[in-house]
Amino acid sequence: MKRMMILIAGPVRSGTGGSLARIKENLASLEQAALAVYYTGHTPVIGEWLALPLAHTAGSTRIGDDISEAFLYPVAHRLIGHCDAILRLPGASAGADNDVRIGQSLGLTLFTRIEEIPRLSEA
């Protein structure tokens, strides 16, 4: 099996009421999943890892402002085209659901649990 690039998709802002502390908790959950994916021998990516620094450089002052909105979903959609699979974490998220829809239309493998991801022997 070849090493896969796996997009981690899950709630970031959903259900937070805009609370920065809760958004950070959600991002931490995505990052914990990314670490677990890394340990399977694959390469994890999270759209916010790319989008948030770009938005900040463009002048965003907080996640969810108009500038960050111009980057968050578009960056994820560009990134999906370079991935082999998506790990969809639990929780309501229209953005993550859309990532899955786009990924499936491109033929990407969908995982819903870390345990479903094949481990590489050299992991």
PDB file of N, CA and C in Angstrom:
ATOM      1  N   MET A   1       0.838  -1.182   0.000  1.00  0.00           N
ATOM      2  CA  MET A   1       0.000   0.000   0.000  1.00  0.00           C
ATOM      3  C   MET A   1       0.878   1.238   0.000  1.00  0.00           C
ATOM      4  N   LYS A   2       0.467   2.231  -0.757  1.00  0.00           N
ATOM      5  CA  LYS A   2       1.223   3.488  -0.786  1.00  0.00           C
ATOM      6  C   LYS A   2       0.789   4.394   0.360  1.00  0.00           C
ATOM      7  N   ARG A   3       1.675   5.275   0.730  1.00  0.00           N
ATOM      8  CA  ARG A   3       1.392   6.269   1.748  1.00  0.00           C
ATOM      9  C   ARG A   3       0.315   7.213   1.211  1.00  0.00           C
ATOM     10  N   MET A   4      -0.693   7.495   2.024  1.00  0.00           N
ATOM     11  CA  MET A   4      -1.778   8.381   1.618  1.00  0.00           C
ATOM     12  C   MET A   4      -1.656   9.744   2.301  1.00  0.00           C
ATOM     13  N   MET A   5      -2.138  10.771   1.613  1.00  0.00           N
ATOM     14  CA  MET A   5      -2.354  12.066   2.233  1.00  0.00           C
ATOM     15  C   MET A   5      -3.827  12.083   2.631  1.00  0.00           C
ATOM     16  N   ILE A   6      -4.072  12.279   3.931  1.00  0.00           N
ATOM     17  CA  ILE A   6      -5.430  12.169   4.454  1.00  0.00           C
ATOM     18  C   ILE A   6      -5.867  13.496   5.059  1.00  0.00           C
ATOM     19  N   LEU A   7      -6.945  14.060   4.508  1.00  0.00           N
ATOM     20  CA  LEU A   7      -7.523  15.287   5.039  1.00  0.00           C
ATOM     21  C   LEU A   7      -8.341  14.956   6.280  1.00  0.00           C
ATOM     22  N   ILE A   8      -8.102  15.680   7.348  1.00  0.00           N
ATOM     23  CA  ILE A   8      -8.890  15.522   8.568  1.00  0.00           C
ATOM     24  C   ILE A   8     -10.023  16.537   8.493  1.00  0.00           C
ATOM     25  N   ALA A   9     -11.263  16.064   8.501  1.00  0.00           N
ATOM     26  CA  ALA A   9     -12.436  16.936   8.392  1.00  0.00           C
ATOM     27  C   ALA A   9     -13.325  16.738   9.608  1.00  0.00           C
ATOM     28  N   GLY A  10     -13.680  17.834  10.240  1.00  0.00           N
ATOM     29  CA  GLY A  10     -14.560  17.770  11.400  1.00  0.00           C
ATOM     30  C   GLY A  10     -14.944  19.159  11.829  1.00  0.00           C
ATOM     31  N   PRO A  11     -15.719  19.235  12.893  1.00  0.00           N
ATOM     32  CA  PRO A  11     -16.186  20.539  13.365  1.00  0.00           C
ATOM     33  C   PRO A  11     -15.025  21.442  13.792  1.00  0.00           C
ATOM     34  N   VAL A  12     -15.079  22.687  13.381  1.00  0.00           N
ATOM     35  CA  VAL A  12     -14.149  23.708  13.863  1.00  0.00           C
ATOM     36  C   VAL A  12     -14.965  24.805  14.529  1.00  0.00           C
ATOM     37  N   ARG A  13     -15.838  25.452  13.763  1.00  0.00           N
ATOM     38  CA  ARG A  13     -16.660  26.525  14.333  1.00  0.00           C
ATOM     39  C   ARG A  13     -18.060  26.056  14.711  1.00  0.00           C
ATOM     40  N   SER A  14     -18.505  24.978  14.120  1.00  0.00           N
ATOM     41  CA  SER A  14     -19.865  24.488  14.379  1.00  0.00           C
ATOM     42  C   SER A  14     -20.096  24.254  15.859  1.00  0.00           C
ATOM     43  N   GLY A  15     -21.213  24.752  16.352  1.00  0.00           N
ATOM     44  CA  GLY A  15     -21.592  24.524  17.740  1.00  0.00           C
ATOM     45  C   GLY A  15     -20.811  25.318  18.766  1.00  0.00           C
ATOM     46  N   THR A  16     -19.979  26.254  18.319  1.00  0.00           N
ATOM     47  CA  THR A  16     -19.146  27.009  19.263  1.00  0.00           C
ATOM     48  C   THR A  16     -19.747  28.350  19.652  1.00  0.00           C
ATOM     49  N   GLY A  17     -20.737  28.810  18.900  1.00  0.00           N
ATOM     50  CA  GLY A  17     -21.278  30.140  19.156  1.00  0.00           C
ATOM     51  C   GLY A  17     -20.228  31.228  18.970  1.00  0.00           C
ATOM     52  N   GLY A  18     -19.188  30.924  18.212  1.00  0.00           N
ATOM     53  CA  GLY A  18     -18.123  31.887  17.973  1.00  0.00           C
ATOM     54  C   GLY A  18     -17.086  31.972  19.084  1.00  0.00           C
ATOM     55  N   SER A  19     -17.198  31.120  20.095  1.00  0.00           N
ATOM     56  CA  SER A  19     -16.256  31.123  21.216  1.00  0.00           C
ATOM     57  C   SER A  19     -14.880  30.673  20.745  1.00  0.00           C
ATOM     58  N   LEU A  20     -13.899  31.562  20.882  1.00  0.00           N
ATOM     59  CA  LEU A  20     -12.541  31.236  20.458  1.00  0.00           C
ATOM     60  C   LEU A  20     -11.992  30.036  21.231  1.00  0.00           C
ATOM     61  N   ALA A  21     -12.324  29.940  22.513  1.00  0.00           N
ATOM     62  CA  ALA A  21     -11.852  28.809  23.318  1.00  0.00           C
ATOM     63  C   ALA A  21     -12.399  27.485  22.770  1.00  0.00           C
ATOM     64  N   ARG A  22     -13.668  27.464  22.392  1.00  0.00           N
ATOM     65  CA  ARG A  22     -14.259  26.232  21.865  1.00  0.00           C
ATOM     66  C   ARG A  22     -13.738  25.918  20.460  1.00  0.00           C
ATOM     67  N   ILE A  23     -13.480  26.957  19.671  1.00  0.00           N
ATOM     68  CA  ILE A  23     -12.884  26.744  18.349  1.00  0.00           C
ATOM     69  C   ILE A  23     -11.497  26.121  18.517  1.00  0.00           C
ATOM     70  N   LYS A  24     -10.730  26.633  19.472  1.00  0.00           N
ATOM     71  CA  LYS A  24      -9.392  26.074  19.722  1.00  0.00           C
ATOM     72  C   LYS A  24      -9.490  24.620  20.183  1.00  0.00           C
ATOM     73  N   GLU A  25     -10.484  24.289  21.000  1.00  0.00           N
ATOM     74  CA  GLU A  25     -10.689  22.900  21.421  1.00  0.00           C
ATOM     75  C   GLU A  25     -10.970  22.007  20.210  1.00  0.00           C
ATOM     76  N   ASN A  26     -11.815  22.499  19.301  1.00  0.00           N
ATOM     77  CA  ASN A  26     -12.129  21.718  18.104  1.00  0.00           C
ATOM     78  C   ASN A  26     -10.892  21.527  17.232  1.00  0.00           C
ATOM     79  N   LEU A  27     -10.096  22.586  17.077  1.00  0.00           N
ATOM     80  CA  LEU A  27      -8.857  22.455  16.310  1.00  0.00           C
ATOM     81  C   LEU A  27      -7.908  21.464  16.970  1.00  0.00           C
ATOM     82  N   ALA A  28      -7.864  21.485  18.300  1.00  0.00           N
ATOM     83  CA  ALA A  28      -7.014  20.528  19.023  1.00  0.00           C
ATOM     84  C   ALA A  28      -7.480  19.098  18.769  1.00  0.00           C
ATOM     85  N   SER A  29      -8.780  18.877  18.667  1.00  0.00           N
ATOM     86  CA  SER A  29      -9.304  17.536  18.362  1.00  0.00           C
ATOM     87  C   SER A  29      -8.879  17.096  16.967  1.00  0.00           C
ATOM     88  N   LEU A  30      -8.934  18.018  16.009  1.00  0.00           N
ATOM     89  CA  LEU A  30      -8.471  17.691  14.662  1.00  0.00           C
ATOM     90  C   LEU A  30      -6.977  17.362  14.689  1.00  0.00           C
ATOM     91  N   GLU A  31      -6.217  18.112  15.464  1.00  0.00           N
ATOM     92  CA  GLU A  31      -4.771  17.876  15.527  1.00  0.00           C
ATOM     93  C   GLU A  31      -4.443  16.554  16.215  1.00  0.00           C
ATOM     94  N   GLN A  32      -5.216  16.161  17.222  1.00  0.00           N
ATOM     95  CA  GLN A  32      -5.011  14.846  17.848  1.00  0.00           C
ATOM     96  C   GLN A  32      -5.269  13.737  16.834  1.00  0.00           C
ATOM     97  N   ALA A  33      -6.316  13.909  16.027  1.00  0.00           N
ATOM     98  CA  ALA A  33      -6.600  12.917  14.981  1.00  0.00           C
ATOM     99  C   ALA A  33      -5.475  12.904  13.952  1.00  0.00           C
ATOM    100  N   ALA A  34      -4.943  14.084  13.620  1.00  0.00           N
ATOM    101  CA  ALA A  34      -3.829  14.154  12.660  1.00  0.00           C
ATOM    102  C   ALA A  34      -2.621  13.393  13.186  1.00  0.00           C
ATOM    103  N   LEU A  35      -2.353  13.527  14.470  1.00  0.00           N
ATOM    104  CA  LEU A  35      -1.232  12.798  15.058  1.00  0.00           C
ATOM    105  C   LEU A  35      -1.450  11.291  14.957  1.00  0.00           C
ATOM    106  N   ALA A  36      -2.670  10.855  15.238  1.00  0.00           N
ATOM    107  CA  ALA A  36      -2.974   9.425  15.127  1.00  0.00           C
ATOM    108  C   ALA A  36      -2.811   8.946  13.688  1.00  0.00           C
ATOM    109  N   VAL A  37      -3.233   9.753  12.722  1.00  0.00           N
ATOM    110  CA  VAL A  37      -3.058   9.394  11.309  1.00  0.00           C
ATOM    111  C   VAL A  37      -1.576   9.299  10.983  1.00  0.00           C
ATOM    112  N   TYR A  38      -0.800  10.233  11.481  1.00  0.00           N
ATOM    113  CA  TYR A  38       0.649  10.215  11.253  1.00  0.00           C
ATOM    114  C   TYR A  38       1.246   8.895  11.747  1.00  0.00           C
ATOM    115  N   TYR A  39       0.808   8.455  12.905  1.00  0.00           N
ATOM    116  CA  TYR A  39       1.334   7.212  13.476  1.00  0.00           C
ATOM    117  C   TYR A  39       0.925   5.972  12.682  1.00  0.00           C
ATOM    118  N   THR A  40      -0.073   6.083  11.795  1.00  0.00           N
ATOM    119  CA  THR A  40      -0.406   4.953  10.929  1.00  0.00           C
ATOM    120  C   THR A  40       0.559   4.859   9.755  1.00  0.00           C
ATOM    121  N   GLY A  41       1.385   5.906   9.574  1.00  0.00           N
ATOM    122  CA  GLY A  41       2.335   5.920   8.481  1.00  0.00           C
ATOM    123  C   GLY A  41       1.916   6.796   7.313  1.00  0.00           C
ATOM    124  N   HIS A  42       0.781   7.452   7.438  1.00  0.00           N
ATOM    125  CA  HIS A  42       0.279   8.306   6.372  1.00  0.00           C
ATOM    126  C   HIS A  42       0.537   9.779   6.715  1.00  0.00           C
ATOM    127  N   THR A  43       0.219  10.678   5.789  1.00  0.00           N
ATOM    128  CA  THR A  43       0.457  12.102   5.971  1.00  0.00           C
ATOM    129  C   THR A  43      -0.876  12.812   6.205  1.00  0.00           C
ATOM    130  N   PRO A  44      -1.075  13.349   7.412  1.00  0.00           N
ATOM    131  CA  PRO A  44      -2.320  14.064   7.695  1.00  0.00           C
ATOM    132  C   PRO A  44      -2.225  15.531   7.289  1.00  0.00           C
ATOM    133  N   VAL A  45      -3.348  16.098   6.876  1.00  0.00           N
ATOM    134  CA  VAL A  45      -3.438  17.531   6.613  1.00  0.00           C
ATOM    135  C   VAL A  45      -4.774  18.045   7.145  1.00  0.00           C
ATOM    136  N   ILE A  46      -4.741  19.283   7.600  1.00  0.00           N
ATOM    137  CA  ILE A  46      -5.945  19.975   8.066  1.00  0.00           C
ATOM    138  C   ILE A  46      -5.997  21.279   7.289  1.00  0.00           C
ATOM    139  N   GLY A  47      -7.114  21.575   6.677  1.00  0.00           N
ATOM    140  CA  GLY A  47      -7.235  22.766   5.854  1.00  0.00           C
ATOM    141  C   GLY A  47      -6.857  24.044   6.587  1.00  0.00           C
ATOM    142  N   GLU A  48      -7.213  24.120   7.867  1.00  0.00           N
ATOM    143  CA  GLU A  48      -6.918  25.325   8.654  1.00  0.00           C
ATOM    144  C   GLU A  48      -5.419  25.551   8.816  1.00  0.00           C
ATOM    145  N   TRP A  49      -4.617  24.488   8.729  1.00  0.00           N
ATOM    146  CA  TRP A  49      -3.164  24.650   8.830  1.00  0.00           C
ATOM    147  C   TRP A  49      -2.656  25.549   7.710  1.00  0.00           C
ATOM    148  N   LEU A  50      -3.317  25.509   6.580  1.00  0.00           N
ATOM    149  CA  LEU A  50      -2.929  26.338   5.445  1.00  0.00           C
ATOM    150  C   LEU A  50      -3.736  27.631   5.389  1.00  0.00           C
ATOM    151  N   ALA A  51      -5.028  27.526   5.621  1.00  0.00           N
ATOM    152  CA  ALA A  51      -5.921  28.671   5.438  1.00  0.00           C
ATOM    153  C   ALA A  51      -5.726  29.767   6.483  1.00  0.00           C
ATOM    154  N   LEU A  52      -5.547  29.396   7.743  1.00  0.00           N
ATOM    155  CA  LEU A  52      -5.467  30.422   8.783  1.00  0.00           C
ATOM    156  C   LEU A  52      -4.245  31.329   8.641  1.00  0.00           C
ATOM    157  N   PRO A  53      -3.049  30.805   8.370  1.00  0.00           N
ATOM    158  CA  PRO A  53      -1.913  31.717   8.153  1.00  0.00           C
ATOM    159  C   PRO A  53      -2.110  32.616   6.929  1.00  0.00           C
ATOM    160  N   LEU A  54      -2.711  32.079   5.872  1.00  0.00           N
ATOM    161  CA  LEU A  54      -2.976  32.904   4.696  1.00  0.00           C
ATOM    162  C   LEU A  54      -3.953  34.022   5.032  1.00  0.00           C
ATOM    163  N   ALA A  55      -5.028  33.666   5.740  1.00  0.00           N
ATOM    164  CA  ALA A  55      -6.028  34.665   6.117  1.00  0.00           C
ATOM    165  C   ALA A  55      -5.415  35.729   7.014  1.00  0.00           C
ATOM    166  N   HIS A  56      -4.593  35.310   7.966  1.00  0.00           N
ATOM    167  CA  HIS A  56      -3.930  36.264   8.860  1.00  0.00           C
ATOM    168  C   HIS A  56      -3.052  37.232   8.059  1.00  0.00           C
ATOM    169  N   THR A  57      -2.289  36.695   7.130  1.00  0.00           N
ATOM    170  CA  THR A  57      -1.420  37.526   6.302  1.00  0.00           C
ATOM    171  C   THR A  57      -2.231  38.493   5.446  1.00  0.00           C
ATOM    172  N   ALA A  58      -3.429  38.065   5.049  1.00  0.00           N
ATOM    173  CA  ALA A  58      -4.305  38.919   4.241  1.00  0.00           C
ATOM    174  C   ALA A  58      -5.038  39.968   5.077  1.00  0.00           C
ATOM    175  N   GLY A  59      -4.892  39.893   6.418  1.00  0.00           N
ATOM    176  CA  GLY A  59      -5.495  40.908   7.270  1.00  0.00           C
ATOM    177  C   GLY A  59      -6.607  40.432   8.189  1.00  0.00           C
ATOM    178  N   SER A  60      -6.870  39.131   8.215  1.00  0.00           N
ATOM    179  CA  SER A  60      -7.896  38.611   9.118  1.00  0.00           C
ATOM    180  C   SER A  60      -7.488  38.859  10.565  1.00  0.00           C
ATOM    181  N   THR A  61      -8.456  39.238  11.383  1.00  0.00           N
ATOM    182  CA  THR A  61      -8.183  39.453  12.807  1.00  0.00           C
ATOM    183  C   THR A  61      -8.787  38.364  13.681  1.00  0.00           C
ATOM    184  N   ARG A  62      -9.676  37.559  13.112  1.00  0.00           N
ATOM    185  CA  ARG A  62     -10.262  36.458  13.875  1.00  0.00           C
ATOM    186  C   ARG A  62     -10.896  35.460  12.920  1.00  0.00           C
ATOM    187  N   ILE A  63     -10.904  34.205  13.334  1.00  0.00           N
ATOM    188  CA  ILE A  63     -11.547  33.177  12.529  1.00  0.00           C
ATOM    189  C   ILE A  63     -13.038  33.509  12.427  1.00  0.00           C
ATOM    190  N   GLY A  64     -13.547  33.462  11.220  1.00  0.00           N
ATOM    191  CA  GLY A  64     -14.951  33.780  10.983  1.00  0.00           C
ATOM    192  C   GLY A  64     -15.182  35.172  10.429  1.00  0.00           C
ATOM    193  N   ASP A  65     -14.150  36.029  10.441  1.00  0.00           N
ATOM    194  CA  ASP A  65     -14.357  37.346   9.829  1.00  0.00           C
ATOM    195  C   ASP A  65     -14.377  37.190   8.311  1.00  0.00           C
ATOM    196  N   ASP A  66     -14.743  38.251   7.611  1.00  0.00           N
ATOM    197  CA  ASP A  66     -14.905  38.158   6.155  1.00  0.00           C
ATOM    198  C   ASP A  66     -13.636  37.704   5.444  1.00  0.00           C
ATOM    199  N   ILE A  67     -12.493  38.161   5.944  1.00  0.00           N
ATOM    200  CA  ILE A  67     -11.230  37.778   5.286  1.00  0.00           C
ATOM    201  C   ILE A  67     -10.970  36.293   5.476  1.00  0.00           C
ATOM    202  N   SER A  68     -11.150  35.775   6.692  1.00  0.00           N
ATOM    203  CA  SER A  68     -10.901  34.342   6.899  1.00  0.00           C
ATOM    204  C   SER A  68     -11.892  33.501   6.097  1.00  0.00           C
ATOM    205  N   GLU A  69     -13.109  33.982   5.973  1.00  0.00           N
ATOM    206  CA  GLU A  69     -14.113  33.254   5.188  1.00  0.00           C
ATOM    207  C   GLU A  69     -13.681  33.102   3.726  1.00  0.00           C
ATOM    208  N   ALA A  70     -12.933  34.091   3.229  1.00  0.00           N
ATOM    209  CA  ALA A  70     -12.463  34.038   1.845  1.00  0.00           C
ATOM    210  C   ALA A  70     -11.402  32.965   1.642  1.00  0.00           C
ATOM    211  N   PHE A  71     -10.856  32.430   2.739  1.00  0.00           N
ATOM    212  CA  PHE A  71      -9.786  31.439   2.636  1.00  0.00           C
ATOM    213  C   PHE A  71     -10.187  30.053   3.150  1.00  0.00           C
ATOM    214  N   LEU A  72     -10.958  29.979   4.218  1.00  0.00           N
ATOM    215  CA  LEU A  72     -11.177  28.691   4.893  1.00  0.00           C
ATOM    216  C   LEU A  72     -11.703  27.602   3.959  1.00  0.00           C
ATOM    217  N   TYR A  73     -12.854  27.781   3.382  1.00  0.00           N
ATOM    218  CA  TYR A  73     -13.408  26.728   2.532  1.00  0.00           C
ATOM    219  C   TYR A  73     -12.660  26.597   1.207  1.00  0.00           C
ATOM    220  N   PRO A  74     -12.324  27.709   0.542  1.00  0.00           N
ATOM    221  CA  PRO A  74     -11.601  27.547  -0.724  1.00  0.00           C
ATOM    222  C   PRO A  74     -10.268  26.806  -0.594  1.00  0.00           C
ATOM    223  N   VAL A  75      -9.523  27.068   0.465  1.00  0.00           N
ATOM    224  CA  VAL A  75      -8.251  26.361   0.649  1.00  0.00           C
ATOM    225  C   VAL A  75      -8.508  24.863   0.841  1.00  0.00           C
ATOM    226  N   ALA A  76      -9.487  24.534   1.663  1.00  0.00           N
ATOM    227  CA  ALA A  76      -9.815  23.118   1.885  1.00  0.00           C
ATOM    228  C   ALA A  76     -10.209  22.455   0.570  1.00  0.00           C
ATOM    229  N   HIS A  77     -10.987  23.147  -0.238  1.00  0.00           N
ATOM    230  CA  HIS A  77     -11.436  22.548  -1.498  1.00  0.00           C
ATOM    231  C   HIS A  77     -10.270  22.331  -2.452  1.00  0.00           C
ATOM    232  N   ARG A  78      -9.320  23.246  -2.474  1.00  0.00           N
ATOM    233  CA  ARG A  78      -8.129  23.038  -3.306  1.00  0.00           C
ATOM    234  C   ARG A  78      -7.309  21.869  -2.779  1.00  0.00           C
ATOM    235  N   LEU A  79      -7.205  21.783  -1.465  1.00  0.00           N
ATOM    236  CA  LEU A  79      -6.406  20.741  -0.834  1.00  0.00           C
ATOM    237  C   LEU A  79      -6.983  19.349  -1.083  1.00  0.00           C
ATOM    238  N   ILE A  80      -8.286  19.235  -1.067  1.00  0.00           N
ATOM    239  CA  ILE A  80      -8.934  17.938  -1.261  1.00  0.00           C
ATOM    240  C   ILE A  80      -8.458  17.270  -2.555  1.00  0.00           C
ATOM    241  N   GLY A  81      -8.257  18.067  -3.582  1.00  0.00           N
ATOM    242  CA  GLY A  81      -7.828  17.521  -4.865  1.00  0.00           C
ATOM    243  C   GLY A  81      -6.448  16.893  -4.834  1.00  0.00           C
ATOM    244  N   HIS A  82      -5.693  17.149  -3.777  1.00  0.00           N
ATOM    245  CA  HIS A  82      -4.347  16.571  -3.640  1.00  0.00           C
ATOM    246  C   HIS A  82      -4.318  15.411  -2.649  1.00  0.00           C
ATOM    247  N   CYS A  83      -5.460  15.114  -2.061  1.00  0.00           N
ATOM    248  CA  CYS A  83      -5.531  14.066  -1.036  1.00  0.00           C
ATOM    249  C   CYS A  83      -5.966  12.740  -1.640  1.00  0.00           C
ATOM    250  N   ASP A  84      -5.679  11.685  -0.881  1.00  0.00           N
ATOM    251  CA  ASP A  84      -6.097  10.340  -1.272  1.00  0.00           C
ATOM    252  C   ASP A  84      -7.320   9.881  -0.495  1.00  0.00           C
ATOM    253  N   ALA A  85      -7.515  10.497   0.674  1.00  0.00           N
ATOM    254  CA  ALA A  85      -8.595  10.053   1.557  1.00  0.00           C
ATOM    255  C   ALA A  85      -8.986  11.188   2.488  1.00  0.00           C
ATOM    256  N   ILE A  86     -10.134  10.997   3.133  1.00  0.00           N
ATOM    257  CA  ILE A  86     -10.624  11.932   4.139  1.00  0.00           C
ATOM    258  C   ILE A  86     -10.968  11.138   5.392  1.00  0.00           C
ATOM    259  N   LEU A  87     -10.556  11.657   6.539  1.00  0.00           N
ATOM    260  CA  LEU A  87     -11.009  11.123   7.821  1.00  0.00           C
ATOM    261  C   LEU A  87     -12.045  12.104   8.337  1.00  0.00           C
ATOM    262  N   ARG A  88     -13.303  11.685   8.384  1.00  0.00           N
ATOM    263  CA  ARG A  88     -14.394  12.537   8.858  1.00  0.00           C
ATOM    264  C   ARG A  88     -14.599  12.250  10.333  1.00  0.00           C
ATOM    265  N   LEU A  89     -14.295  13.240  11.161  1.00  0.00           N
ATOM    266  CA  LEU A  89     -14.481  13.106  12.602  1.00  0.00           C
ATOM    267  C   LEU A  89     -15.938  13.327  12.967  1.00  0.00           C
ATOM    268  N   PRO A  90     -16.376  12.807  14.108  1.00  0.00           N
ATOM    269  CA  PRO A  90     -17.765  12.995  14.526  1.00  0.00           C
ATOM    270  C   PRO A  90     -18.084  14.455  14.824  1.00  0.00           C
ATOM    271  N   GLY A  91     -19.353  14.777  14.700  1.00  0.00           N
ATOM    272  CA  GLY A  91     -19.835  16.103  15.054  1.00  0.00           C
ATOM    273  C   GLY A  91     -20.426  16.826  13.863  1.00  0.00           C
ATOM    274  N   ALA A  92     -21.423  17.631  14.146  1.00  0.00           N
ATOM    275  CA  ALA A  92     -22.083  18.397  13.098  1.00  0.00           C
ATOM    276  C   ALA A  92     -21.126  19.424  12.517  1.00  0.00           C
ATOM    277  N   SER A  93     -21.042  19.454  11.192  1.00  0.00           N
ATOM    278  CA  SER A  93     -20.201  20.434  10.512  1.00  0.00           C
ATOM    279  C   SER A  93     -20.574  20.455   9.034  1.00  0.00           C
ATOM    280  N   ALA A  94     -21.198  21.536   8.611  1.00  0.00           N
ATOM    281  CA  ALA A  94     -21.561  21.668   7.201  1.00  0.00           C
ATOM    282  C   ALA A  94     -20.303  21.699   6.339  1.00  0.00           C
ATOM    283  N   GLY A  95     -19.250  22.355   6.819  1.00  0.00           N
ATOM    284  CA  GLY A  95     -18.004  22.420   6.056  1.00  0.00           C
ATOM    285  C   GLY A  95     -17.380  21.052   5.869  1.00  0.00           C
ATOM    286  N   ALA A  96     -17.321  20.261   6.946  1.00  0.00           N
ATOM    287  CA  ALA A  96     -16.756  18.912   6.851  1.00  0.00           C
ATOM    288  C   ALA A  96     -17.623  18.021   5.965  1.00  0.00           C
ATOM    289  N   ASP A  97     -18.942  18.173   6.075  1.00  0.00           N
ATOM    290  CA  ASP A  97     -19.837  17.399   5.208  1.00  0.00           C
ATOM    291  C   ASP A  97     -19.593  17.746   3.738  1.00  0.00           C
ATOM    292  N   ASN A  98     -19.356  19.032   3.471  1.00  0.00           N
ATOM    293  CA  ASN A  98     -19.082  19.446   2.100  1.00  0.00           C
ATOM    294  C   ASN A  98     -17.732  18.896   1.625  1.00  0.00           C
ATOM    295  N   ASP A  99     -16.742  18.885   2.524  1.00  0.00           N
ATOM    296  CA  ASP A  99     -15.448  18.282   2.175  1.00  0.00           C
ATOM    297  C   ASP A  99     -15.634  16.825   1.765  1.00  0.00           C
ATOM    298  N   VAL A 100     -16.443  16.103   2.530  1.00  0.00           N
ATOM    299  CA  VAL A 100     -16.708  14.688   2.224  1.00  0.00           C
ATOM    300  C   VAL A 100     -17.393  14.566   0.875  1.00  0.00           C
ATOM    301  N   ARG A 101     -18.392  15.409   0.625  1.00  0.00           N
ATOM    302  CA  ARG A 101     -19.105  15.361  -0.650  1.00  0.00           C
ATOM    303  C   ARG A 101     -18.145  15.593  -1.817  1.00  0.00           C
ATOM    304  N   ILE A 102     -17.303  16.609  -1.699  1.00  0.00           N
ATOM    305  CA  ILE A 102     -16.329  16.899  -2.759  1.00  0.00           C
ATOM    306  C   ILE A 102     -15.352  15.732  -2.906  1.00  0.00           C
ATOM    307  N   GLY A 103     -14.844  15.232  -1.778  1.00  0.00           N
ATOM    308  CA  GLY A 103     -13.901  14.118  -1.820  1.00  0.00           C
ATOM    309  C   GLY A 103     -14.490  12.881  -2.474  1.00  0.00           C
ATOM    310  N   GLN A 104     -15.723  12.566  -2.120  1.00  0.00           N
ATOM    311  CA  GLN A 104     -16.353  11.388  -2.711  1.00  0.00           C
ATOM    312  C   GLN A 104     -16.575  11.584  -4.210  1.00  0.00           C
ATOM    313  N   SER A 105     -16.880  12.810  -4.632  1.00  0.00           N
ATOM    314  CA  SER A 105     -17.067  13.056  -6.070  1.00  0.00           C
ATOM    315  C   SER A 105     -15.752  12.883  -6.825  1.00  0.00           C
ATOM    316  N   LEU A 106     -14.631  13.028  -6.120  1.00  0.00           N
ATOM    317  CA  LEU A 106     -13.308  12.835  -6.719  1.00  0.00           C
ATOM    318  C   LEU A 106     -12.790  11.399  -6.552  1.00  0.00           C
ATOM    319  N   GLY A 107     -13.575  10.568  -5.877  1.00  0.00           N
ATOM    320  CA  GLY A 107     -13.186   9.174  -5.700  1.00  0.00           C
ATOM    321  C   GLY A 107     -12.283   8.915  -4.509  1.00  0.00           C
ATOM    322  N   LEU A 108     -12.185   9.867  -3.587  1.00  0.00           N
ATOM    323  CA  LEU A 108     -11.351   9.666  -2.400  1.00  0.00           C
ATOM    324  C   LEU A 108     -11.979   8.632  -1.468  1.00  0.00           C
ATOM    325  N   THR A 109     -11.130   7.929  -0.753  1.00  0.00           N
ATOM    326  CA  THR A 109     -11.573   6.987   0.257  1.00  0.00           C
ATOM    327  C   THR A 109     -12.054   7.778   1.467  1.00  0.00           C
ATOM    328  N   LEU A 110     -13.128   7.342   2.079  1.00  0.00           N
ATOM    329  CA  LEU A 110     -13.660   7.991   3.271  1.00  0.00           C
ATOM    330  C   LEU A 110     -13.483   7.064   4.470  1.00  0.00           C
ATOM    331  N   PHE A 111     -12.834   7.583   5.509  1.00  0.00           N
ATOM    332  CA  PHE A 111     -12.708   6.885   6.777  1.00  0.00           C
ATOM    333  C   PHE A 111     -13.506   7.656   7.819  1.00  0.00           C
ATOM    334  N   THR A 112     -14.106   6.936   8.753  1.00  0.00           N
ATOM    335  CA  THR A 112     -14.826   7.601   9.846  1.00  0.00           C
ATOM    336  C   THR A 112     -14.218   7.257  11.208  1.00  0.00           C
ATOM    337  N   ARG A 113     -13.218   6.384  11.197  1.00  0.00           N
ATOM    338  CA  ARG A 113     -12.515   6.016  12.430  1.00  0.00           C
ATOM    339  C   ARG A 113     -11.052   5.778  12.103  1.00  0.00           C
ATOM    340  N   ILE A 114     -10.185   6.164  13.004  1.00  0.00           N
ATOM    341  CA  ILE A 114      -8.737   5.949  12.818  1.00  0.00           C
ATOM    342  C   ILE A 114      -8.454   4.475  12.549  1.00  0.00           C
ATOM    343  N   GLU A 115      -9.166   3.609  13.236  1.00  0.00           N
ATOM    344  CA  GLU A 115      -8.924   2.163  13.129  1.00  0.00           C
ATOM    345  C   GLU A 115      -9.174   1.630  11.723  1.00  0.00           C
ATOM    346  N   GLU A 116      -9.917   2.360  10.907  1.00  0.00           N
ATOM    347  CA  GLU A 116     -10.185   1.925   9.531  1.00  0.00           C
ATOM    348  C   GLU A 116      -8.996   2.186   8.599  1.00  0.00           C
ATOM    349  N   ILE A 117      -8.094   3.056   9.006  1.00  0.00           N
ATOM    350  CA  ILE A 117      -6.975   3.448   8.161  1.00  0.00           C
ATOM    351  C   ILE A 117      -5.916   2.355   8.185  1.00  0.00           C
ATOM    352  N   PRO A 118      -5.529   1.838   7.026  1.00  0.00           N
ATOM    353  CA  PRO A 118      -4.508   0.787   7.000  1.00  0.00           C
ATOM    354  C   PRO A 118      -3.175   1.309   7.558  1.00  0.00           C
ATOM    355  N   ARG A 119      -2.552   0.494   8.393  1.00  0.00           N
ATOM    356  CA  ARG A 119      -1.227   0.865   8.935  1.00  0.00           C
ATOM    357  C   ARG A 119      -0.160   0.411   7.949  1.00  0.00           C
ATOM    358  N   LEU A 120       0.817   1.276   7.741  1.00  0.00           N
ATOM    359  CA  LEU A 120       1.945   0.904   6.910  1.00  0.00           C
ATOM    360  C   LEU A 120       2.975   0.216   7.787  1.00  0.00           C
ATOM    361  N   SER A 121       3.626  -0.782   7.242  1.00  0.00           N
ATOM    362  CA  SER A 121       4.572  -1.573   8.054  1.00  0.00           C
ATOM    363  C   SER A 121       5.729  -0.741   8.578  1.00  0.00           C
ATOM    364  N   GLU A 122       6.142   0.291   7.849  1.00  0.00           N
ATOM    365  CA  GLU A 122       7.255   1.128   8.310  1.00  0.00           C
ATOM    366  C   GLU A 122       6.781   2.290   9.170  1.00  0.00           C
ATOM    367  N   ALA A 123       5.515   2.293   9.546  1.00  0.00           N
ATOM    368  CA  ALA A 123       4.994   3.381  10.393  1.00  0.00           C
ATOM    369  C   ALA A 123       5.654   3.292  11.704  1.00  0.00           C
TER     370      ALA A 123
END
